[in-house]
Amino acid sequence: MGRRIKKLKKIRIHREGTDTLIYSVLAIGLVAFLLYHYIDNKIPFWSFAVIFGVAWLVVLNFYRCPIRYFEGDTERVVVAPADGKIVVIEEVMENEYFHEKRLMISIFMSLFNVHANWFPVDGKVKSVVHKDGNFHKAWLPKASEENEHADVLITTPEGTDVLCRQIAGAMARRIVTYAKEGEECYIDEHLGFIKLGSRVDVYLPLGSEVCVKMGQATTGDLTVIAKLKNHG
């Protein structure tokens, strides 16, 4: 399966945040202008400018959209689908698609992480399913099944099925999934985006080699979280 032609590395703002960033900076600028020109005491102006300026920069960081490229062979490699921290590495019973035990690796994304999501493996998208649900705190075990989530099932070139689940958190209210059923997908490509705190679960076959540990920070599309076993 061919890889894409690689372009220069760069960082851009994710399209999901363009309107939010533009409208918010205009609103902050307008209020700051009014405070500066119509209130003699400048303390409210400076307090507003510092507090909301910092808040806007946090939101700007949240909506960053790094363009990254995995260096090396991607065969049987599973990369982190998100920036964040490893919060779960365990065998679980997966009853929706596989009806068997699977190795689940979960990455929790805080408000300060980039929230773009990447495909964890090369392959072909077998199905894309969005399911409504609750909005428990994303790091809780029940969030994986009970929270609103979007499931992307991918078949690797070697025939291994890998499930990537985008999960909404207590504050997240929108999951965006770009994956389309039947399309080929690659490491380095964006799978989707989740707004505010949330997590991504990856379900792998038992016997996969785990390459991360609990609490480890991950960089989406760059950190190798596992290697699939060789069927040959």
Protein backbone atom coordinates (compact mmCIF):
# COMPACT_ATOMS: atom_id res chain seq x y z
CA MET A 1 0.00 0.00 0.00
CA GLY A 2 1.57 3.25 -1.09
CA ARG A 3 2.36 6.07 1.28
CA ARG A 4 1.57 9.70 0.59
CA ILE A 5 4.15 12.13 -0.75
CA LYS A 6 5.53 13.86 2.35
CA LYS A 7 5.48 17.62 2.62
CA LEU A 8 7.40 19.98 4.84
CA LYS A 9 6.57 19.69 8.53
CA LYS A 10 4.49 22.57 9.85
CA ILE A 11 1.87 23.48 12.42
CA ARG A 12 -1.45 25.02 11.50
CA ILE A 13 -4.75 25.79 13.19
CA HIS A 14 -7.36 23.05 12.90
CA ARG A 15 -10.37 23.99 10.79
CA GLU A 16 -12.67 22.96 13.65
CA GLY A 17 -11.44 25.94 15.65
CA THR A 18 -11.21 28.67 13.01
CA ASP A 19 -14.59 30.31 13.73
CA THR A 20 -14.18 30.01 17.51
CA LEU A 21 -10.76 31.67 17.47
CA ILE A 22 -11.76 34.49 15.10
CA TYR A 23 -15.02 35.40 16.85
CA SER A 24 -13.50 35.17 20.32
CA VAL A 25 -10.52 37.41 19.51
CA LEU A 26 -12.86 39.97 17.93
CA ALA A 27 -15.06 39.93 21.05
CA ILE A 28 -12.05 40.25 23.37
CA GLY A 29 -10.66 43.10 21.28
CA LEU A 30 -13.97 44.97 21.30
CA VAL A 31 -14.42 44.72 25.07
CA ALA A 32 -10.78 45.71 25.65
CA PHE A 33 -11.24 48.72 23.38
CA LEU A 34 -14.32 49.87 25.29
CA LEU A 35 -12.63 49.39 28.67
CA TYR A 36 -9.54 51.31 27.58
CA HIS A 37 -11.34 54.26 26.02
CA TYR A 38 -14.40 54.68 28.23
CA ILE A 39 -13.15 53.82 31.73
CA ASP A 40 -10.61 56.13 33.35
CA ASN A 41 -9.34 53.47 35.72
CA LYS A 42 -7.09 51.21 33.62
CA ILE A 43 -7.02 48.34 36.14
CA PRO A 44 -10.16 46.68 34.64
CA PHE A 45 -8.62 46.95 31.16
CA TRP A 46 -5.33 45.31 32.12
CA SER A 47 -7.05 42.64 34.25
CA PHE A 48 -9.39 41.78 31.37
CA ALA A 49 -6.60 41.82 28.80
CA VAL A 50 -4.35 39.48 30.83
CA ILE A 51 -7.04 37.00 31.90
CA PHE A 52 -8.79 36.67 28.56
CA GLY A 53 -5.55 36.92 26.61
CA VAL A 54 -4.17 33.91 28.45
CA ALA A 55 -7.48 32.06 28.04
CA TRP A 56 -7.41 32.72 24.30
CA LEU A 57 -3.86 31.38 24.05
CA VAL A 58 -4.96 28.19 25.84
CA VAL A 59 -7.76 27.76 23.32
CA LEU A 60 -5.30 28.48 20.50
CA ASN A 61 -3.04 25.69 21.77
CA PHE A 62 -6.06 23.38 21.96
CA TYR A 63 -6.87 23.96 18.29
CA ARG A 64 -3.33 23.51 16.99
CA CYS A 65 -3.17 21.02 14.16
CA PRO A 66 0.38 19.67 13.81
CA ILE A 67 1.37 18.09 10.52
CA ARG A 68 3.45 15.09 11.54
CA TYR A 69 5.11 12.22 9.73
CA PHE A 70 6.03 8.88 11.23
CA GLU A 71 9.60 7.95 10.37
CA GLY A 72 10.16 4.30 9.62
CA ASP A 73 8.33 1.22 8.47
CA THR A 74 4.62 1.15 9.42
CA GLU A 75 4.10 -2.59 8.94
CA ARG A 76 2.43 -4.04 12.08
CA VAL A 77 3.09 -0.71 13.87
CA VAL A 78 0.36 0.95 15.95
CA VAL A 79 0.94 4.63 16.67
CA ALA A 80 -0.76 6.83 19.25
CA PRO A 81 -3.93 8.29 17.72
CA ALA A 82 -3.75 11.33 20.01
CA ASP A 83 -1.57 13.52 22.19
CA GLY A 84 -2.13 12.79 25.87
CA LYS A 85 -1.37 10.25 28.57
CA ILE A 86 -1.75 6.48 28.74
CA VAL A 87 -4.48 5.75 31.32
CA VAL A 88 -5.44 2.14 30.51
CA ILE A 89 -3.51 -0.93 29.35
CA GLU A 90 -5.59 -4.04 29.96
CA GLU A 91 -7.36 -7.00 28.45
CA VAL A 92 -11.10 -6.41 28.14
CA MET A 93 -14.07 -8.26 26.70
CA GLU A 94 -15.15 -6.44 23.53
CA ASN A 95 -18.73 -7.40 22.71
CA GLU A 96 -19.76 -4.98 19.97
CA TYR A 97 -17.47 -6.04 17.12
CA PHE A 98 -15.09 -8.84 18.06
CA HIS A 99 -17.01 -10.73 20.78
CA GLU A 100 -13.75 -11.78 22.34
CA LYS A 101 -11.04 -10.46 24.60
CA ARG A 102 -8.95 -7.64 23.22
CA LEU A 103 -6.01 -5.57 24.43
CA MET A 104 -7.24 -2.03 25.09
CA ILE A 105 -4.85 0.93 25.25
CA SER A 106 -6.45 4.25 26.21
CA ILE A 107 -5.09 7.79 25.86
CA PHE A 108 -6.62 10.63 27.87
CA MET A 109 -6.43 14.14 26.40
CA SER A 110 -6.50 17.10 28.78
CA LEU A 111 -7.61 20.61 27.87
CA PHE A 112 -3.97 21.49 27.19
CA ASN A 113 -3.39 18.75 24.61
CA VAL A 114 -3.85 19.04 20.87
CA HIS A 115 -7.18 17.34 20.15
CA ALA A 116 -6.63 16.26 16.56
CA ASN A 117 -6.76 12.47 16.13
CA TRP A 118 -4.70 10.32 13.76
CA PHE A 119 -5.22 6.88 12.26
CA PRO A 120 -3.30 4.40 14.46
CA VAL A 121 -2.54 1.98 11.60
CA ASP A 122 -2.35 1.77 7.84
CA GLY A 123 -5.23 -0.10 6.24
CA LYS A 124 -8.79 0.19 4.98
CA VAL A 125 -11.73 1.59 6.92
CA LYS A 126 -14.17 -1.28 7.45
CA SER A 127 -16.89 0.67 9.27
CA VAL A 128 -17.61 4.00 10.98
CA VAL A 129 -20.29 4.10 13.68
CA HIS A 130 -21.35 7.01 15.90
CA LYS A 131 -23.24 6.21 19.11
CA ASP A 132 -24.99 8.66 21.41
CA GLY A 133 -24.48 8.29 25.15
CA ASN A 134 -23.59 9.91 28.43
CA PHE A 135 -20.82 12.37 29.26
CA HIS A 136 -18.99 10.79 32.20
CA LYS A 137 -15.48 11.95 32.98
CA ALA A 138 -13.35 10.53 30.19
CA TRP A 139 -10.81 8.74 32.41
CA LEU A 140 -13.48 6.60 34.13
CA PRO A 141 -13.62 2.95 32.96
CA LYS A 142 -17.35 3.14 32.14
CA ALA A 143 -16.75 6.06 29.76
CA SER A 144 -15.50 3.68 27.07
CA GLU A 145 -18.90 2.00 26.69
CA GLU A 146 -21.43 4.46 28.17
CA ASN A 147 -20.22 7.81 26.83
CA GLU A 148 -21.01 9.19 23.40
CA HIS A 149 -18.39 7.75 21.06
CA ALA A 150 -17.44 7.13 17.46
CA ASP A 151 -15.97 3.79 16.39
CA VAL A 152 -13.65 3.40 13.42
CA LEU A 153 -12.86 -0.22 12.52
CA ILE A 154 -9.76 -0.62 10.36
CA THR A 155 -8.40 -3.70 8.59
CA THR A 156 -4.62 -3.59 8.18
CA PRO A 157 -2.89 -4.81 4.98
CA GLU A 158 -2.04 -8.03 6.87
CA GLY A 159 -5.75 -8.65 7.61
CA THR A 160 -5.81 -7.63 11.28
CA ASP A 161 -8.84 -5.68 12.53
CA VAL A 162 -8.09 -2.72 14.82
CA LEU A 163 -10.79 -0.65 16.52
CA CYS A 164 -10.17 3.03 17.28
CA ARG A 165 -12.80 4.64 19.53
CA GLN A 166 -13.17 8.41 19.98
CA ILE A 167 -14.87 9.12 23.31
CA ALA A 168 -16.55 12.30 24.51
CA GLY A 169 -15.79 13.45 28.06
CA ALA A 170 -17.61 15.41 30.76
CA MET A 171 -17.02 18.67 28.87
CA ALA A 172 -16.72 17.42 25.31
CA ARG A 173 -19.93 17.74 23.31
CA ARG A 174 -18.73 17.19 19.78
CA ILE A 175 -16.88 14.32 18.13
CA VAL A 176 -15.81 14.84 14.53
CA THR A 177 -14.81 11.81 12.46
CA TYR A 178 -13.31 12.16 8.99
CA ALA A 179 -12.89 8.44 8.34
CA LYS A 180 -15.18 7.07 5.63
CA GLU A 181 -16.19 3.44 5.23
CA GLY A 182 -14.40 1.73 2.36
CA GLU A 183 -11.58 4.27 2.08
CA GLU A 184 -7.91 3.46 2.50
CA CYS A 185 -6.30 5.13 5.51
CA TYR A 186 -2.74 5.75 6.59
CA ILE A 187 -0.70 6.64 9.62
CA ASP A 188 0.02 10.41 9.29
CA GLU A 189 -3.58 11.17 8.24
CA HIS A 190 -6.16 12.77 10.52
CA LEU A 191 -8.93 10.46 11.67
CA GLY A 192 -10.94 13.21 13.38
CA PHE A 193 -11.14 15.75 16.19
CA ILE A 194 -12.70 15.85 19.68
CA LYS A 195 -13.51 19.15 21.37
CA LEU A 196 -12.43 19.59 25.02
CA GLY A 197 -11.29 16.88 27.45
CA SER A 198 -11.78 13.36 26.12
CA ARG A 199 -10.00 10.12 25.26
CA VAL A 200 -9.25 7.63 22.51
CA ASP A 201 -9.24 3.84 22.97
CA VAL A 202 -7.49 1.38 20.66
CA TYR A 203 -8.51 -2.29 20.69
CA LEU A 204 -5.84 -4.73 19.49
CA PRO A 205 -5.60 -8.52 19.22
CA LEU A 206 -4.26 -10.35 22.25
CA GLY A 207 -0.58 -11.05 21.81
CA SER A 208 0.20 -7.59 20.47
CA GLU A 209 3.43 -6.19 21.87
CA VAL A 210 2.79 -3.21 24.16
CA CYS A 211 5.38 -0.47 23.67
CA VAL A 212 4.16 2.05 26.28
CA LYS A 213 3.51 2.09 30.02
CA MET A 214 0.88 3.56 32.32
CA GLY A 215 1.14 7.32 32.75
CA GLN A 216 3.42 7.75 29.75
CA ALA A 217 2.91 10.88 27.64
CA THR A 218 2.13 10.22 23.98
CA THR A 219 2.56 12.27 20.84
CA GLY A 220 -0.09 11.55 18.23
CA ASP A 221 1.22 9.88 15.05
CA LEU A 222 4.74 9.60 16.49
CA THR A 223 4.65 7.47 19.66
CA VAL A 224 4.54 3.72 18.92
CA ILE A 225 2.08 2.25 21.42
CA ALA A 226 2.12 -1.36 20.17
CA LYS A 227 3.24 -3.78 17.49
CA LEU A 228 0.83 -6.31 16.05
CA LYS A 229 1.84 -9.95 16.12
CA ASN A 230 3.08 -11.50 12.93
CA HIS A 231 0.53 -13.95 11.57
CA GLY A 232 3.17 -15.46 9.33
